[in-house]
Amino acid sequence: MEDGVVVEQGKPDHVFDHPQKPPHCGVPGKHRVAQTGHVLWVSASFVFFCDERMRLYARAMLSALNLIGRGSQVHHKNILLISGTTRLHDRMRELSHAIDVSIALANEETFAQAVASGHEFDLVILDANGMEQETLNAVDSFVAENGFIPMLIVRDLDKLATMRMPMQGKNDFILSSANETELEVRCSLLLWPGEESASADIVTVDNMTINLATYQVYIDDRPVDLTLMEYSLLSFLATHPSRAYSRETLLHRVWGFEYCGGTRTVDVHIRRVRSKVGPQVASHIVTIRGVGYLFRI
């Protein structure tokens, strides 16, 4: 998956979790850059940067990642959120978990920097609450000069009557109070017209989301710390539901035919997975006496 570029003001002590240890990092799984009070974080969905040196460093890392992820570029899309507030930032993070997108965050001060980052955007989300007309005019010009990028306009209910929709291009609007599901659907319809709203790489069961492209699992939008084999076992069962698999079959399908360990390994990993995903999702992993395990939908 190609990474996105996110412009956001940060605090020197603001540290974001990352599944892998970045280079020159003293804390496993985390990367802190305190210089000039900004944070740089590279992950499967976001890169934060604010000054020129950080931007160049981010670009270099993105170029390397792009070489790895070119196979998914056709489906992968880039979104630019332009907002005068931070009220949508949490929902943007959730959106990046739900569909195959990278998201750039910009406000009035950082809009020009986001535009100059060199990234092509497939969708602009505009939350104009509190923005100056000069910024709105600049956004209109940017959208028009780049082939009328599709826009999703965020509007408060009490200001809906005065909303102005762009005359050209494919656009839509959404209320600021809309839930995550509606946001996901409206973005997907603008990004992938004619396709299903959800990416094939996303598996959702109750409060659990499995991202098969990034090997990540979320419970209530919070990442779950699984080992590779725990993830592989869970994702295999969740993508092959309603069918009982013996312990021997699971060893072959998940661990591989060359694995020489005993079937007790399966039981141990099932127990660990159940404890980490919580009782709601654990209830779907059913023990079939004398056989093995089944993921019940």
C-alpha atoms as a PDB file:
ATOM      1  CA  MET A   1       0.000   0.000   0.000  1.00  0.00           C
ATOM      2  CA  GLU A   2       1.327   3.428  -0.916  1.00  0.00           C
ATOM      3  CA  ASP A   3       1.754   5.781   2.022  1.00  0.00           C
ATOM      4  CA  GLY A   4       0.098   9.155   2.279  1.00  0.00           C
ATOM      5  CA  VAL A   5       1.444  12.483   3.401  1.00  0.00           C
ATOM      6  CA  VAL A   6      -0.194  14.113   6.371  1.00  0.00           C
ATOM      7  CA  VAL A   7       0.501  17.675   7.394  1.00  0.00           C
ATOM      8  CA  GLU A   8      -0.387  18.336  10.983  1.00  0.00           C
ATOM      9  CA  GLN A   9       0.941  20.401  13.850  1.00  0.00           C
ATOM     10  CA  GLY A  10       2.302  18.196  16.633  1.00  0.00           C
ATOM     11  CA  LYS A  11       3.896  18.377  20.031  1.00  0.00           C
ATOM     12  CA  PRO A  12       7.497  17.264  20.683  1.00  0.00           C
ATOM     13  CA  ASP A  13       6.314  14.533  23.047  1.00  0.00           C
ATOM     14  CA  HIS A  14       3.631  13.203  20.713  1.00  0.00           C
ATOM     15  CA  VAL A  15       4.567   9.639  19.760  1.00  0.00           C
ATOM     16  CA  PHE A  16       2.574   7.460  17.391  1.00  0.00           C
ATOM     17  CA  ASP A  17       2.636   3.664  17.493  1.00  0.00           C
ATOM     18  CA  HIS A  18       4.038   1.911  14.469  1.00  0.00           C
ATOM     19  CA  PRO A  19       4.056  -1.843  13.726  1.00  0.00           C
ATOM     20  CA  GLN A  20       7.688  -1.829  12.651  1.00  0.00           C
ATOM     21  CA  LYS A  21      10.743  -0.093  14.027  1.00  0.00           C
ATOM     22  CA  PRO A  22      11.806   2.790  11.752  1.00  0.00           C
ATOM     23  CA  PRO A  23      15.509   3.511  11.135  1.00  0.00           C
ATOM     24  CA  HIS A  24      17.483   5.485  13.736  1.00  0.00           C
ATOM     25  CA  CYS A  25      14.845   4.847  16.363  1.00  0.00           C
ATOM     26  CA  GLY A  26      15.744   4.264  19.994  1.00  0.00           C
ATOM     27  CA  VAL A  27      12.338   2.990  21.088  1.00  0.00           C
ATOM     28  CA  PRO A  28      11.133  -0.296  19.535  1.00  0.00           C
ATOM     29  CA  GLY A  29       7.977   0.228  17.522  1.00  0.00           C
ATOM     30  CA  LYS A  30       7.995   4.015  17.855  1.00  0.00           C
ATOM     31  CA  HIS A  31       9.662   6.980  16.160  1.00  0.00           C
ATOM     32  CA  ARG A  32      10.036  10.363  17.828  1.00  0.00           C
ATOM     33  CA  VAL A  33      11.224  13.512  16.053  1.00  0.00           C
ATOM     34  CA  ALA A  34      11.137  16.482  18.423  1.00  0.00           C
ATOM     35  CA  GLN A  35      13.028  19.035  16.349  1.00  0.00           C
ATOM     36  CA  THR A  36      11.086  22.302  15.795  1.00  0.00           C
ATOM     37  CA  GLY A  37       8.192  20.837  17.745  1.00  0.00           C
ATOM     38  CA  HIS A  38       6.998  18.617  14.937  1.00  0.00           C
ATOM     39  CA  VAL A  39       6.492  14.902  14.586  1.00  0.00           C
ATOM     40  CA  LEU A  40       7.383  12.633  11.690  1.00  0.00           C
ATOM     41  CA  TRP A  41       5.686   9.258  11.648  1.00  0.00           C
ATOM     42  CA  VAL A  42       5.797   6.779   8.774  1.00  0.00           C
ATOM     43  CA  SER A  43       3.219   3.976   8.701  1.00  0.00           C
ATOM     44  CA  ALA A  44       0.900   2.118   6.373  1.00  0.00           C
ATOM     45  CA  SER A  45      -1.426   5.115   6.249  1.00  0.00           C
ATOM     46  CA  PHE A  46       0.192   8.325   7.425  1.00  0.00           C
ATOM     47  CA  VAL A  47       3.346  10.406   7.267  1.00  0.00           C
ATOM     48  CA  PHE A  48       3.439  13.532   9.413  1.00  0.00           C
ATOM     49  CA  PHE A  49       5.783  16.348   8.478  1.00  0.00           C
ATOM     50  CA  CYS A  50       5.819  20.116   8.819  1.00  0.00           C
ATOM     51  CA  ASP A  51       9.116  21.650   7.765  1.00  0.00           C
ATOM     52  CA  GLU A  52      11.084  21.391   4.522  1.00  0.00           C
ATOM     53  CA  ARG A  53      13.734  18.963   5.783  1.00  0.00           C
ATOM     54  CA  MET A  54      11.099  16.636   7.209  1.00  0.00           C
ATOM     55  CA  ARG A  55       9.171  16.801   3.945  1.00  0.00           C
ATOM     56  CA  LEU A  56      12.207  15.779   1.888  1.00  0.00           C
ATOM     57  CA  TYR A  57      12.921  12.921   4.277  1.00  0.00           C
ATOM     58  CA  ALA A  58       9.308  11.778   4.056  1.00  0.00           C
ATOM     59  CA  ARG A  59       9.364  11.924   0.291  1.00  0.00           C
ATOM     60  CA  ALA A  60      12.482   9.738   0.143  1.00  0.00           C
ATOM     61  CA  MET A  61      10.847   7.142   2.375  1.00  0.00           C
ATOM     62  CA  LEU A  62       7.643   7.258   0.354  1.00  0.00           C
ATOM     63  CA  SER A  63       9.545   6.682  -2.880  1.00  0.00           C
ATOM     64  CA  ALA A  64      11.061   3.521  -1.445  1.00  0.00           C
ATOM     65  CA  LEU A  65       7.697   2.316  -0.209  1.00  0.00           C
ATOM     66  CA  ASN A  66       6.082   3.051  -3.568  1.00  0.00           C
ATOM     67  CA  LEU A  67       8.452   0.599  -5.259  1.00  0.00           C
ATOM     68  CA  ILE A  68       7.147  -2.103  -2.942  1.00  0.00           C
ATOM     69  CA  GLY A  69       3.474  -1.284  -3.297  1.00  0.00           C
ATOM     70  CA  ARG A  70       3.029  -0.580  -6.974  1.00  0.00           C
ATOM     71  CA  GLY A  71       0.882  -3.641  -7.490  1.00  0.00           C
ATOM     72  CA  SER A  72      -1.944  -2.089  -5.489  1.00  0.00           C
ATOM     73  CA  GLN A  73      -1.746   1.435  -6.916  1.00  0.00           C
ATOM     74  CA  VAL A  74      -4.697   0.942  -9.233  1.00  0.00           C
ATOM     75  CA  HIS A  75      -7.073   0.461  -6.332  1.00  0.00           C
ATOM     76  CA  HIS A  76      -5.261   2.599  -3.765  1.00  0.00           C
ATOM     77  CA  LYS A  77      -6.367   6.235  -3.598  1.00  0.00           C
ATOM     78  CA  ASN A  78      -5.161   9.461  -1.977  1.00  0.00           C
ATOM     79  CA  ILE A  79      -7.466  11.813  -0.072  1.00  0.00           C
ATOM     80  CA  LEU A  80      -6.780  15.409   0.945  1.00  0.00           C
ATOM     81  CA  LEU A  81      -8.779  16.691   3.913  1.00  0.00           C
ATOM     82  CA  ILE A  82      -8.842  20.486   4.177  1.00  0.00           C
ATOM     83  CA  SER A  83     -10.348  21.572   7.454  1.00  0.00           C
ATOM     84  CA  GLY A  84     -10.337  24.628   9.669  1.00  0.00           C
ATOM     85  CA  THR A  85     -10.635  22.395  12.746  1.00  0.00           C
ATOM     86  CA  THR A  86      -9.455  18.971  13.897  1.00  0.00           C
ATOM     87  CA  ARG A  87     -12.948  17.577  14.434  1.00  0.00           C
ATOM     88  CA  LEU A  88     -12.649  15.095  11.548  1.00  0.00           C
ATOM     89  CA  HIS A  89      -9.123  13.838  12.230  1.00  0.00           C
ATOM     90  CA  ASP A  90     -10.185  10.808  14.274  1.00  0.00           C
ATOM     91  CA  ARG A  91     -12.680   9.825  11.593  1.00  0.00           C
ATOM     92  CA  MET A  92      -9.984  10.151   8.946  1.00  0.00           C
ATOM     93  CA  ARG A  93      -7.816   7.716  10.859  1.00  0.00           C
ATOM     94  CA  GLU A  94     -10.734   5.278  11.063  1.00  0.00           C
ATOM     95  CA  LEU A  95     -11.413   5.761   7.351  1.00  0.00           C
ATOM     96  CA  SER A  96      -7.823   4.804   6.521  1.00  0.00           C
ATOM     97  CA  HIS A  97      -8.386   1.540   8.401  1.00  0.00           C
ATOM     98  CA  ALA A  98     -11.653   0.800   6.611  1.00  0.00           C
ATOM     99  CA  ILE A  99     -10.787   1.420   2.947  1.00  0.00           C
ATOM    100  CA  ASP A 100      -7.650   1.395   0.802  1.00  0.00           C
ATOM    101  CA  VAL A 101      -6.664   5.062   1.071  1.00  0.00           C
ATOM    102  CA  SER A 102      -3.914   7.362   2.278  1.00  0.00           C
ATOM    103  CA  ILE A 103      -5.012  10.642   3.812  1.00  0.00           C
ATOM    104  CA  ALA A 104      -3.360  14.049   3.935  1.00  0.00           C
ATOM    105  CA  LEU A 105      -4.555  16.513   6.574  1.00  0.00           C
ATOM    106  CA  ALA A 106      -4.251  20.239   5.909  1.00  0.00           C
ATOM    107  CA  ASN A 107      -5.576  23.442   7.423  1.00  0.00           C
ATOM    108  CA  GLU A 108      -5.482  27.033   6.168  1.00  0.00           C
ATOM    109  CA  GLU A 109      -1.829  27.419   7.122  1.00  0.00           C
ATOM    110  CA  THR A 110      -0.616  24.103   5.659  1.00  0.00           C
ATOM    111  CA  PHE A 111      -2.848  23.859   2.571  1.00  0.00           C
ATOM    112  CA  ALA A 112      -0.198  25.326   0.264  1.00  0.00           C
ATOM    113  CA  GLN A 113       2.402  22.903   1.622  1.00  0.00           C
ATOM    114  CA  ALA A 114       0.118  19.898   1.089  1.00  0.00           C
ATOM    115  CA  VAL A 115      -0.551  20.989  -2.493  1.00  0.00           C
ATOM    116  CA  ALA A 116       3.187  21.452  -3.110  1.00  0.00           C
ATOM    117  CA  SER A 117       4.018  17.989  -1.731  1.00  0.00           C
ATOM    118  CA  GLY A 118       3.873  16.517  -5.226  1.00  0.00           C
ATOM    119  CA  HIS A 119       1.135  14.025  -4.426  1.00  0.00           C
ATOM    120  CA  GLU A 120      -1.828  13.524  -6.730  1.00  0.00           C
ATOM    121  CA  PHE A 121      -5.125  13.442  -4.860  1.00  0.00           C
ATOM    122  CA  ASP A 122      -8.163  11.450  -5.949  1.00  0.00           C
ATOM    123  CA  LEU A 123     -10.606  13.103  -3.559  1.00  0.00           C
ATOM    124  CA  VAL A 124     -10.740  16.395  -1.670  1.00  0.00           C
ATOM    125  CA  ILE A 125     -12.769  16.503   1.541  1.00  0.00           C
ATOM    126  CA  LEU A 126     -13.542  20.117   2.450  1.00  0.00           C
ATOM    127  CA  ASP A 127     -14.715  21.086   5.914  1.00  0.00           C
ATOM    128  CA  ALA A 128     -15.072  24.848   5.472  1.00  0.00           C
ATOM    129  CA  ASN A 129     -16.235  25.581   9.012  1.00  0.00           C
ATOM    130  CA  GLY A 130     -14.378  28.722  10.143  1.00  0.00           C
ATOM    131  CA  MET A 131     -12.318  29.077   6.946  1.00  0.00           C
ATOM    132  CA  GLU A 132     -11.586  32.380   5.215  1.00  0.00           C
ATOM    133  CA  GLN A 133     -13.029  32.953   1.736  1.00  0.00           C
ATOM    134  CA  GLU A 134      -9.498  33.366   0.360  1.00  0.00           C
ATOM    135  CA  THR A 135      -8.688  29.773   1.351  1.00  0.00           C
ATOM    136  CA  LEU A 136     -11.933  28.481  -0.158  1.00  0.00           C
ATOM    137  CA  ASN A 137     -11.097  30.236  -3.425  1.00  0.00           C
ATOM    138  CA  ALA A 138      -7.633  28.646  -3.394  1.00  0.00           C
ATOM    139  CA  VAL A 139      -9.215  25.211  -2.900  1.00  0.00           C
ATOM    140  CA  ASP A 140     -11.585  25.801  -5.833  1.00  0.00           C
ATOM    141  CA  SER A 141      -8.645  26.774  -8.036  1.00  0.00           C
ATOM    142  CA  PHE A 142      -6.603  23.740  -6.989  1.00  0.00           C
ATOM    143  CA  VAL A 143      -9.495  21.373  -7.737  1.00  0.00           C
ATOM    144  CA  ALA A 144     -10.176  22.956 -11.141  1.00  0.00           C
ATOM    145  CA  GLU A 145      -6.519  23.089 -12.186  1.00  0.00           C
ATOM    146  CA  ASN A 146      -6.168  19.361 -11.487  1.00  0.00           C
ATOM    147  CA  GLY A 147      -9.022  18.144 -13.662  1.00  0.00           C
ATOM    148  CA  PHE A 148     -11.849  18.853 -11.226  1.00  0.00           C
ATOM    149  CA  ILE A 149     -10.915  16.422  -8.491  1.00  0.00           C
ATOM    150  CA  PRO A 150     -14.045  14.931  -6.877  1.00  0.00           C
ATOM    151  CA  MET A 151     -15.041  16.774  -3.706  1.00  0.00           C
ATOM    152  CA  LEU A 152     -16.908  15.771  -0.577  1.00  0.00           C
ATOM    153  CA  ILE A 153     -18.139  18.861   1.248  1.00  0.00           C
ATOM    154  CA  VAL A 154     -18.735  18.638   4.996  1.00  0.00           C
ATOM    155  CA  ARG A 155     -21.471  20.906   6.288  1.00  0.00           C
ATOM    156  CA  ASP A 156     -23.186  21.575   9.616  1.00  0.00           C
ATOM    157  CA  LEU A 157     -26.940  21.029   9.614  1.00  0.00           C
ATOM    158  CA  ASP A 158     -27.736  24.636  10.513  1.00  0.00           C
ATOM    159  CA  LYS A 159     -25.675  25.852   7.530  1.00  0.00           C
ATOM    160  CA  LEU A 160     -27.020  23.413   4.966  1.00  0.00           C
ATOM    161  CA  ALA A 161     -29.345  25.974   3.378  1.00  0.00           C
ATOM    162  CA  THR A 162     -26.407  28.202   2.399  1.00  0.00           C
ATOM    163  CA  MET A 163     -24.195  25.439   1.028  1.00  0.00           C
ATOM    164  CA  ARG A 164     -22.688  26.047  -2.399  1.00  0.00           C
ATOM    165  CA  MET A 165     -21.915  22.946  -4.446  1.00  0.00           C
ATOM    166  CA  PRO A 166     -19.269  23.125  -7.222  1.00  0.00           C
ATOM    167  CA  MET A 167     -20.767  23.410 -10.698  1.00  0.00           C
ATOM    168  CA  GLN A 168     -18.302  21.033 -12.366  1.00  0.00           C
ATOM    169  CA  GLY A 169     -16.898  17.646 -11.470  1.00  0.00           C
ATOM    170  CA  LYS A 170     -18.345  14.768  -9.493  1.00  0.00           C
ATOM    171  CA  ASN A 171     -19.146  15.986  -5.983  1.00  0.00           C
ATOM    172  CA  ASP A 172     -21.197  15.117  -2.924  1.00  0.00           C
ATOM    173  CA  PHE A 173     -21.853  16.481   0.548  1.00  0.00           C
ATOM    174  CA  ILE A 174     -22.158  15.019   4.029  1.00  0.00           C
ATOM    175  CA  LEU A 175     -23.303  16.392   7.373  1.00  0.00           C
ATOM    176  CA  SER A 176     -20.605  16.906   9.987  1.00  0.00           C
ATOM    177  CA  SER A 177     -22.652  14.717  12.334  1.00  0.00           C
ATOM    178  CA  ALA A 178     -22.655  11.717   9.959  1.00  0.00           C
ATOM    179  CA  ASN A 179     -21.284   8.451  11.304  1.00  0.00           C
ATOM    180  CA  GLU A 180     -18.210   6.560  10.122  1.00  0.00           C
ATOM    181  CA  THR A 181     -20.200   4.169   7.920  1.00  0.00           C
ATOM    182  CA  GLU A 182     -21.828   6.954   5.916  1.00  0.00           C
ATOM    183  CA  LEU A 183     -18.475   8.692   5.492  1.00  0.00           C
ATOM    184  CA  GLU A 184     -16.926   5.457   4.240  1.00  0.00           C
ATOM    185  CA  VAL A 185     -19.731   4.849   1.746  1.00  0.00           C
ATOM    186  CA  ARG A 186     -19.770   8.382   0.334  1.00  0.00           C
ATOM    187  CA  CYS A 187     -15.980   8.430  -0.064  1.00  0.00           C
ATOM    188  CA  SER A 188     -15.978   5.012  -1.695  1.00  0.00           C
ATOM    189  CA  LEU A 189     -18.649   6.009  -4.210  1.00  0.00           C
ATOM    190  CA  LEU A 190     -16.567   9.020  -5.250  1.00  0.00           C
ATOM    191  CA  LEU A 191     -13.281   7.097  -5.330  1.00  0.00           C
ATOM    192  CA  TRP A 192     -14.416   3.830  -6.902  1.00  0.00           C
ATOM    193  CA  PRO A 193     -17.668   4.460  -8.797  1.00  0.00           C
ATOM    194  CA  GLY A 194     -19.344   1.212  -9.720  1.00  0.00           C
ATOM    195  CA  GLU A 195     -17.323  -0.867  -7.264  1.00  0.00           C
ATOM    196  CA  GLU A 196     -18.281  -2.233  -3.879  1.00  0.00           C
ATOM    197  CA  SER A 197     -17.966   0.302  -1.083  1.00  0.00           C
ATOM    198  CA  ALA A 198     -15.542  -1.784   0.985  1.00  0.00           C
ATOM    199  CA  SER A 199     -12.094  -2.945  -0.067  1.00  0.00           C
ATOM    200  CA  ALA A 200     -11.615  -6.675  -0.575  1.00  0.00           C
ATOM    201  CA  ASP A 201      -8.699  -6.440   1.829  1.00  0.00           C
ATOM    202  CA  ILE A 202     -10.976  -5.527   4.750  1.00  0.00           C
ATOM    203  CA  VAL A 203     -12.755  -8.170   6.849  1.00  0.00           C
ATOM    204  CA  THR A 204     -15.206  -6.949   9.489  1.00  0.00           C
ATOM    205  CA  VAL A 205     -16.778  -9.134  12.169  1.00  0.00           C
ATOM    206  CA  ASP A 206     -18.690  -7.392  14.964  1.00  0.00           C
ATOM    207  CA  ASN A 207     -16.277  -4.871  16.500  1.00  0.00           C
ATOM    208  CA  MET A 208     -13.201  -6.397  14.801  1.00  0.00           C
ATOM    209  CA  THR A 209     -11.602  -5.189  11.568  1.00  0.00           C
ATOM    210  CA  ILE A 210      -8.860  -7.178   9.830  1.00  0.00           C
ATOM    211  CA  ASN A 211      -6.813  -5.378   7.191  1.00  0.00           C
ATOM    212  CA  LEU A 212      -5.395  -8.168   5.051  1.00  0.00           C
ATOM    213  CA  ALA A 213      -3.191  -5.736   3.123  1.00  0.00           C
ATOM    214  CA  THR A 214      -1.363  -4.376   6.178  1.00  0.00           C
ATOM    215  CA  TYR A 215      -1.563  -7.435   8.475  1.00  0.00           C
ATOM    216  CA  GLN A 216      -3.326  -5.390  11.144  1.00  0.00           C
ATOM    217  CA  VAL A 217      -6.265  -6.184  13.406  1.00  0.00           C
ATOM    218  CA  TYR A 218      -8.406  -3.600  15.179  1.00  0.00           C
ATOM    219  CA  ILE A 219     -10.961  -4.000  17.967  1.00  0.00           C
ATOM    220  CA  ASP A 220     -13.195  -0.951  18.332  1.00  0.00           C
ATOM    221  CA  ASP A 221     -10.721   0.883  16.049  1.00  0.00           C
ATOM    222  CA  ARG A 222      -7.822   0.153  18.407  1.00  0.00           C
ATOM    223  CA  PRO A 223      -4.909  -1.960  17.131  1.00  0.00           C
ATOM    224  CA  VAL A 224      -4.466  -5.430  18.604  1.00  0.00           C
ATOM    225  CA  ASP A 225      -0.918  -6.592  19.336  1.00  0.00           C
ATOM    226  CA  LEU A 226      -0.727 -10.007  17.645  1.00  0.00           C
ATOM    227  CA  THR A 227       2.290 -12.037  16.664  1.00  0.00           C
ATOM    228  CA  LEU A 228       2.578 -13.017  13.014  1.00  0.00           C
ATOM    229  CA  MET A 229       1.324 -16.549  13.645  1.00  0.00           C
ATOM    230  CA  GLU A 230      -1.533 -15.338  15.845  1.00  0.00           C
ATOM    231  CA  TYR A 231      -2.565 -12.947  13.082  1.00  0.00           C
ATOM    232  CA  SER A 232      -2.203 -15.648  10.404  1.00  0.00           C
ATOM    233  CA  LEU A 233      -4.366 -18.075  12.372  1.00  0.00           C
ATOM    234  CA  LEU A 234      -7.069 -15.503  13.079  1.00  0.00           C
ATOM    235  CA  SER A 235      -7.174 -14.167   9.527  1.00  0.00           C
ATOM    236  CA  PHE A 236      -7.319 -17.685   8.062  1.00  0.00           C
ATOM    237  CA  LEU A 237     -10.267 -18.675  10.236  1.00  0.00           C
ATOM    238  CA  ALA A 238     -12.085 -15.359   9.680  1.00  0.00           C
ATOM    239  CA  THR A 239     -11.714 -15.615   5.885  1.00  0.00           C
ATOM    240  CA  HIS A 240     -12.858 -19.262   5.896  1.00  0.00           C
ATOM    241  CA  PRO A 241     -15.913 -19.117   8.168  1.00  0.00           C
ATOM    242  CA  SER A 242     -18.502 -21.779   8.961  1.00  0.00           C
ATOM    243  CA  ARG A 243     -16.172 -24.678   8.261  1.00  0.00           C
ATOM    244  CA  ALA A 244     -14.437 -26.853  10.843  1.00  0.00           C
ATOM    245  CA  TYR A 245     -10.688 -27.345  10.427  1.00  0.00           C
ATOM    246  CA  SER A 246      -8.671 -30.022  12.185  1.00  0.00           C
ATOM    247  CA  ARG A 247      -5.550 -29.069  14.074  1.00  0.00           C
ATOM    248  CA  GLU A 248      -3.445 -30.869  11.498  1.00  0.00           C
ATOM    249  CA  THR A 249      -5.068 -28.920   8.653  1.00  0.00           C
ATOM    250  CA  LEU A 250      -4.505 -25.633  10.456  1.00  0.00           C
ATOM    251  CA  LEU A 251      -0.840 -26.525  10.964  1.00  0.00           C
ATOM    252  CA  HIS A 252      -0.481 -27.148   7.239  1.00  0.00           C
ATOM    253  CA  ARG A 253      -2.488 -24.101   6.108  1.00  0.00           C
ATOM    254  CA  VAL A 254      -1.138 -21.572   8.616  1.00  0.00           C
ATOM    255  CA  TRP A 255       2.284 -22.822   9.725  1.00  0.00           C
ATOM    256  CA  GLY A 256       3.176 -24.590   6.471  1.00  0.00           C
ATOM    257  CA  PHE A 257       3.891 -28.154   5.454  1.00  0.00           C
ATOM    258  CA  GLU A 258       7.483 -27.965   6.693  1.00  0.00           C
ATOM    259  CA  TYR A 259       6.430 -27.240  10.278  1.00  0.00           C
ATOM    260  CA  CYS A 260       7.457 -30.150  12.511  1.00  0.00           C
ATOM    261  CA  GLY A 261       5.796 -29.097  15.786  1.00  0.00           C
ATOM    262  CA  GLY A 262       2.825 -30.830  17.406  1.00  0.00           C
ATOM    263  CA  THR A 263      -0.851 -29.917  17.208  1.00  0.00           C
ATOM    264  CA  ARG A 264      -0.629 -28.472  20.728  1.00  0.00           C
ATOM    265  CA  THR A 265       0.764 -25.340  19.062  1.00  0.00           C
ATOM    266  CA  VAL A 266      -2.649 -24.671  17.512  1.00  0.00           C
ATOM    267  CA  ASP A 267      -4.402 -24.848  20.885  1.00  0.00           C
ATOM    268  CA  VAL A 268      -1.891 -22.467  22.457  1.00  0.00           C
ATOM    269  CA  HIS A 269      -2.285 -19.903  19.675  1.00  0.00           C
ATOM    270  CA  ILE A 270      -6.084 -20.159  19.717  1.00  0.00           C
ATOM    271  CA  ARG A 271      -6.057 -19.437  23.437  1.00  0.00           C
ATOM    272  CA  ARG A 272      -3.791 -16.406  22.954  1.00  0.00           C
ATOM    273  CA  VAL A 273      -5.895 -15.040  20.102  1.00  0.00           C
ATOM    274  CA  ARG A 274      -9.094 -15.377  22.124  1.00  0.00           C
ATOM    275  CA  SER A 275      -7.561 -13.519  25.054  1.00  0.00           C
ATOM    276  CA  LYS A 276      -6.333 -10.653  22.855  1.00  0.00           C
ATOM    277  CA  VAL A 277      -9.424 -10.030  20.736  1.00  0.00           C
ATOM    278  CA  GLY A 278     -11.844 -10.009  23.648  1.00  0.00           C
ATOM    279  CA  PRO A 279     -14.962 -12.040  24.455  1.00  0.00           C
ATOM    280  CA  GLN A 280     -17.168 -10.676  21.655  1.00  0.00           C
ATOM    281  CA  VAL A 281     -14.893 -11.821  18.839  1.00  0.00           C
ATOM    282  CA  ALA A 282     -13.596 -14.839  20.800  1.00  0.00           C
ATOM    283  CA  SER A 283     -17.142 -16.219  20.838  1.00  0.00           C
ATOM    284  CA  HIS A 284     -16.892 -16.683  17.059  1.00  0.00           C
ATOM    285  CA  ILE A 285     -13.907 -19.046  17.442  1.00  0.00           C
ATOM    286  CA  VAL A 286     -15.638 -22.291  18.321  1.00  0.00           C
ATOM    287  CA  THR A 287     -13.964 -25.491  19.476  1.00  0.00           C
ATOM    288  CA  ILE A 288     -15.329 -28.554  17.675  1.00  0.00           C
ATOM    289  CA  ARG A 289     -14.733 -31.494  19.980  1.00  0.00           C
ATOM    290  CA  GLY A 290     -12.706 -34.256  18.378  1.00  0.00           C
ATOM    291  CA  VAL A 291     -12.031 -32.149  15.276  1.00  0.00           C
ATOM    292  CA  GLY A 292     -10.505 -28.700  15.748  1.00  0.00           C
ATOM    293  CA  TYR A 293     -11.828 -25.178  15.350  1.00  0.00           C
ATOM    294  CA  LEU A 294     -14.458 -23.262  13.408  1.00  0.00           C
ATOM    295  CA  PHE A 295     -15.071 -19.534  12.907  1.00  0.00           C
ATOM    296  CA  ARG A 296     -18.820 -19.042  13.282  1.00  0.00           C
ATOM    297  CA  ILE A 297     -20.530 -16.022  11.693  1.00  0.00           C
END
